[in-house]
Amino acid sequence: MDFKAAADVLLSTQPVSAIEIAERLGKEPHTIRRARMSGPNARSAPKGWDAVVADLAEKHADELEQRVSQLRRLAKQLRG
């Protein structure tokens, strides 16, 4: 295991995108982007956003925990 391989494991976790949030809420991505804005062009957050965001955060956390486990196993192998 070298640095590149370890970094590849870590970087393989995809971030949550506005597209993914929009799909889960049945909205267009631009609606999500505008709901994140402030000012006159902002939109209200879609109904049910809190449960969707929490679910996506939990899924993302699970992916990160898997990467942590992989990296710890690889580090242990390096130490012998």
Foldseek 3Di string as FASTA:
>chain_A
DDPVVLVCLQVVQDDDALCNLCVVLVHHSVLSVLCPDDDDSRDPDRPPSVVSVVVSVVVSVVSNVVSVVVNVVVVVVVVD
